[in-house]
């Protein structure tokens, strides 16, 4: 029963995020930066790329460190003598 409640709450949170994301408005300068017809479109695309980099770089670092730790632990388990 508890797992069903958790799934329901997660589904409601995701639905709320997806429905409210369309209503969020950007400031006029940010909105103009992402307009394809404006002269600042390249600057808006550069900001977008830098935001993606700042979002994904920590995830990649944590994933790489976790992979290295798992590999070291697996190699230690394989090379440890059995009693």
N, C-alpha and C. Protein backbone atom coordinates (compact mmCIF):
# COMPACT_ATOMS: atom_id res chain seq x y z
N UNK A 1 0.81 -1.20 0.00
CA UNK A 1 0.00 0.00 0.00
C UNK A 1 0.86 1.26 0.00
N UNK A 2 1.96 1.22 0.75
CA UNK A 2 2.82 2.39 0.86
C UNK A 2 3.49 2.70 -0.49
N UNK A 3 3.87 1.66 -1.24
CA UNK A 3 4.50 1.87 -2.53
C UNK A 3 3.52 2.50 -3.52
N UNK A 4 2.27 2.13 -3.43
CA UNK A 4 1.25 2.71 -4.32
C UNK A 4 1.08 4.20 -4.03
N UNK A 5 1.13 4.59 -2.76
CA UNK A 5 1.02 5.99 -2.38
C UNK A 5 2.20 6.78 -2.92
N UNK A 6 3.39 6.22 -2.82
CA UNK A 6 4.60 6.89 -3.33
C UNK A 6 4.50 7.11 -4.83
N UNK A 7 4.02 6.12 -5.55
CA UNK A 7 3.89 6.25 -7.00
C UNK A 7 2.84 7.30 -7.36
N UNK A 8 1.77 7.37 -6.59
CA UNK A 8 0.73 8.36 -6.85
C UNK A 8 1.26 9.76 -6.63
N UNK A 9 2.00 9.97 -5.55
CA UNK A 9 2.57 11.29 -5.27
C UNK A 9 3.57 11.67 -6.36
N UNK A 10 4.41 10.73 -6.77
CA UNK A 10 5.38 11.01 -7.82
C UNK A 10 4.68 11.38 -9.13
N UNK A 11 3.62 10.67 -9.46
CA UNK A 11 2.88 10.97 -10.69
C UNK A 11 2.23 12.34 -10.63
N UNK A 12 1.70 12.71 -9.47
CA UNK A 12 1.09 14.03 -9.32
C UNK A 12 2.12 15.14 -9.41
N UNK A 13 3.28 14.94 -8.83
CA UNK A 13 4.34 15.96 -8.90
C UNK A 13 4.81 16.13 -10.34
N UNK A 14 5.01 15.05 -11.05
CA UNK A 14 5.45 15.13 -12.45
C UNK A 14 4.38 15.81 -13.30
N UNK A 15 3.13 15.46 -13.08
CA UNK A 15 2.03 16.09 -13.84
C UNK A 15 1.97 17.59 -13.55
N UNK A 16 2.16 17.97 -12.29
CA UNK A 16 2.13 19.39 -11.93
C UNK A 16 3.28 20.14 -12.59
N UNK A 17 4.45 19.54 -12.60
CA UNK A 17 5.60 20.20 -13.23
C UNK A 17 5.41 20.35 -14.74
N UNK A 18 4.86 19.32 -15.37
CA UNK A 18 4.67 19.39 -16.82
C UNK A 18 3.59 20.40 -17.22
N UNK A 19 2.57 20.54 -16.40
CA UNK A 19 1.51 21.47 -16.77
C UNK A 19 1.86 22.92 -16.45
N UNK A 20 2.67 23.15 -15.44
CA UNK A 20 3.03 24.53 -15.09
C UNK A 20 4.22 25.04 -15.87
N UNK A 21 4.98 24.18 -16.49
CA UNK A 21 6.17 24.63 -17.22
C UNK A 21 5.79 25.51 -18.41
N UNK A 22 4.64 25.30 -18.98
CA UNK A 22 4.23 26.10 -20.13
C UNK A 22 3.84 27.51 -19.72
N UNK A 23 3.46 27.70 -18.48
CA UNK A 23 2.99 29.00 -18.02
C UNK A 23 4.09 29.89 -17.49
N UNK A 24 5.29 29.36 -17.33
CA UNK A 24 6.39 30.15 -16.78
C UNK A 24 6.87 31.12 -17.85
N UNK A 25 7.00 32.39 -17.48
CA UNK A 25 7.41 33.42 -18.42
C UNK A 25 8.84 33.87 -18.10
N UNK A 26 9.61 34.12 -19.13
CA UNK A 26 10.96 34.61 -18.95
C UNK A 26 10.95 36.14 -18.96
N UNK A 27 12.03 36.72 -18.44
CA UNK A 27 12.14 38.17 -18.50
C UNK A 27 12.29 38.59 -19.97
N UNK A 28 11.99 39.83 -20.31
CA UNK A 28 12.04 40.24 -21.72
C UNK A 28 13.41 40.06 -22.37
N UNK A 29 14.49 40.30 -21.64
CA UNK A 29 15.82 40.13 -22.23
C UNK A 29 16.13 38.68 -22.52
N UNK A 30 15.76 37.80 -21.61
CA UNK A 30 15.99 36.37 -21.84
C UNK A 30 15.14 35.86 -23.00
N UNK A 31 13.91 36.34 -23.06
CA UNK A 31 13.02 35.91 -24.13
C UNK A 31 13.55 36.39 -25.49
N UNK A 32 14.07 37.60 -25.55
CA UNK A 32 14.63 38.13 -26.79
C UNK A 32 15.91 37.39 -27.17
N UNK A 33 16.62 36.92 -26.19
CA UNK A 33 17.86 36.19 -26.46
C UNK A 33 17.61 34.86 -27.15
N UNK A 34 16.46 34.29 -26.92
CA UNK A 34 16.15 33.01 -27.54
C UNK A 34 15.32 33.15 -28.81
N UNK A 35 14.95 34.35 -29.16
CA UNK A 35 14.24 34.58 -30.42
C UNK A 35 15.19 34.32 -31.59
N UNK A 36 14.77 33.52 -32.54
CA UNK A 36 15.63 33.20 -33.68
C UNK A 36 15.78 34.40 -34.62
N UNK A 37 14.84 35.33 -34.59
CA UNK A 37 14.88 36.44 -35.52
C UNK A 37 15.68 37.63 -34.98
N UNK A 38 16.06 37.61 -33.71
CA UNK A 38 16.76 38.75 -33.14
C UNK A 38 18.26 38.66 -33.41
N UNK A 39 18.93 39.81 -33.28
CA UNK A 39 20.38 39.82 -33.51
C UNK A 39 21.14 39.19 -32.35
N UNK A 40 20.49 39.00 -31.22
CA UNK A 40 21.14 38.41 -30.04
C UNK A 40 20.87 36.91 -29.93
N UNK A 41 20.44 36.30 -31.03
CA UNK A 41 20.10 34.87 -30.99
C UNK A 41 21.33 34.03 -30.68
N UNK A 42 22.50 34.40 -31.21
CA UNK A 42 23.71 33.63 -30.93
C UNK A 42 24.08 33.72 -29.46
N UNK A 43 23.88 34.88 -28.86
CA UNK A 43 24.15 35.03 -27.43
C UNK A 43 23.20 34.18 -26.60
N UNK A 44 21.95 34.12 -26.98
CA UNK A 44 20.98 33.28 -26.29
C UNK A 44 21.32 31.82 -26.40
N UNK A 45 21.77 31.39 -27.57
CA UNK A 45 22.17 30.00 -27.75
C UNK A 45 23.43 29.69 -26.94
N UNK A 46 24.34 30.64 -26.82
CA UNK A 46 25.54 30.44 -26.01
C UNK A 46 25.17 30.31 -24.53
N UNK A 47 24.26 31.14 -24.06
CA UNK A 47 23.80 31.02 -22.68
C UNK A 47 23.15 29.66 -22.45
N UNK A 48 22.36 29.23 -23.41
CA UNK A 48 21.70 27.93 -23.30
C UNK A 48 22.72 26.81 -23.20
N UNK A 49 23.75 26.85 -24.04
CA UNK A 49 24.79 25.82 -24.00
C UNK A 49 25.53 25.83 -22.68
N UNK A 50 25.80 27.01 -22.13
CA UNK A 50 26.51 27.08 -20.86
C UNK A 50 25.64 26.55 -19.72
N UNK A 51 24.35 26.78 -19.79
CA UNK A 51 23.45 26.25 -18.76
C UNK A 51 23.43 24.73 -18.82
N UNK A 52 23.37 24.17 -20.02
CA UNK A 52 23.41 22.71 -20.15
C UNK A 52 24.71 22.16 -19.60
N UNK A 53 25.81 22.83 -19.86
CA UNK A 53 27.10 22.38 -19.35
C UNK A 53 27.12 22.39 -17.82
N UNK A 54 26.58 23.46 -17.24
CA UNK A 54 26.56 23.54 -15.78
C UNK A 54 25.63 22.49 -15.17
N UNK A 55 24.61 22.08 -15.90
CA UNK A 55 23.71 21.06 -15.38
C UNK A 55 24.30 19.66 -15.51
N UNK A 56 24.93 19.37 -16.63
CA UNK A 56 25.38 18.00 -16.88
C UNK A 56 26.77 17.69 -16.35
N UNK A 57 27.62 18.68 -16.18
CA UNK A 57 28.97 18.41 -15.71
C UNK A 57 28.99 17.79 -14.31
N UNK A 58 28.25 18.31 -13.32
CA UNK A 58 28.25 17.64 -12.01
C UNK A 58 27.71 16.21 -12.07
N UNK A 59 26.71 15.99 -12.91
CA UNK A 59 26.15 14.64 -13.05
C UNK A 59 27.20 13.71 -13.63
N UNK A 60 27.92 14.16 -14.64
CA UNK A 60 28.97 13.35 -15.23
C UNK A 60 30.09 13.07 -14.23
N UNK A 61 30.47 14.06 -13.45
CA UNK A 61 31.53 13.86 -12.46
C UNK A 61 31.12 12.85 -11.40
N UNK A 62 29.91 12.97 -10.88
CA UNK A 62 29.44 12.03 -9.87
C UNK A 62 29.34 10.63 -10.47
N UNK A 63 28.86 10.53 -11.68
CA UNK A 63 28.78 9.22 -12.34
C UNK A 63 30.14 8.59 -12.56
N UNK A 64 31.11 9.40 -12.97
CA UNK A 64 32.46 8.89 -13.18
C UNK A 64 33.08 8.41 -11.87
N UNK A 65 32.91 9.20 -10.81
CA UNK A 65 33.47 8.82 -9.51
C UNK A 65 32.78 7.55 -9.00
N UNK A 66 31.47 7.44 -9.15
CA UNK A 66 30.76 6.24 -8.73
C UNK A 66 31.21 5.02 -9.52
N UNK A 67 31.45 5.19 -10.82
CA UNK A 67 31.92 4.09 -11.65
C UNK A 67 33.31 3.63 -11.19
N UNK A 68 34.18 4.59 -10.88
CA UNK A 68 35.53 4.23 -10.43
C UNK A 68 35.48 3.50 -9.08
N UNK A 69 34.63 3.97 -8.16
CA UNK A 69 34.51 3.32 -6.86
C UNK A 69 33.97 1.90 -7.03
N UNK A 70 32.96 1.73 -7.88
CA UNK A 70 32.40 0.41 -8.11
C UNK A 70 33.44 -0.52 -8.73
N UNK A 71 34.23 -0.01 -9.64
CA UNK A 71 35.26 -0.82 -10.28
C UNK A 71 36.33 -1.25 -9.27
N UNK A 72 36.74 -0.33 -8.41
CA UNK A 72 37.75 -0.65 -7.40
C UNK A 72 37.19 -1.68 -6.42
N UNK A 73 35.95 -1.50 -6.01
CA UNK A 73 35.34 -2.46 -5.08
C UNK A 73 35.19 -3.84 -5.73
N UNK A 74 34.82 -3.89 -6.99
CA UNK A 74 34.68 -5.15 -7.68
C UNK A 74 36.02 -5.84 -7.81
N UNK A 75 37.06 -5.09 -8.16
CA UNK A 75 38.39 -5.68 -8.28
C UNK A 75 38.91 -6.14 -6.93
N UNK A 76 38.60 -5.43 -5.87
CA UNK A 76 39.03 -5.85 -4.53
C UNK A 76 38.30 -7.12 -4.10
N UNK A 77 37.04 -7.24 -4.48
CA UNK A 77 36.27 -8.44 -4.13
C UNK A 77 36.82 -9.65 -4.89
N UNK A 78 37.20 -9.47 -6.15
CA UNK A 78 37.71 -10.57 -6.96
C UNK A 78 39.08 -11.02 -6.47
N UNK A 79 39.93 -10.05 -6.08
CA UNK A 79 41.29 -10.40 -5.69
C UNK A 79 41.42 -10.78 -4.22
N UNK A 80 40.35 -10.65 -3.42
CA UNK A 80 40.45 -11.00 -2.00
C UNK A 80 40.47 -12.51 -1.84
N UNK A 81 41.30 -13.02 -0.92
CA UNK A 81 41.36 -14.47 -0.70
C UNK A 81 40.10 -14.96 0.00
N UNK A 82 39.65 -16.12 -0.38
CA UNK A 82 38.47 -16.71 0.24
C UNK A 82 38.90 -17.61 1.38
N UNK A 83 38.15 -17.63 2.45
CA UNK A 83 38.53 -18.42 3.62
C UNK A 83 37.94 -19.80 3.58
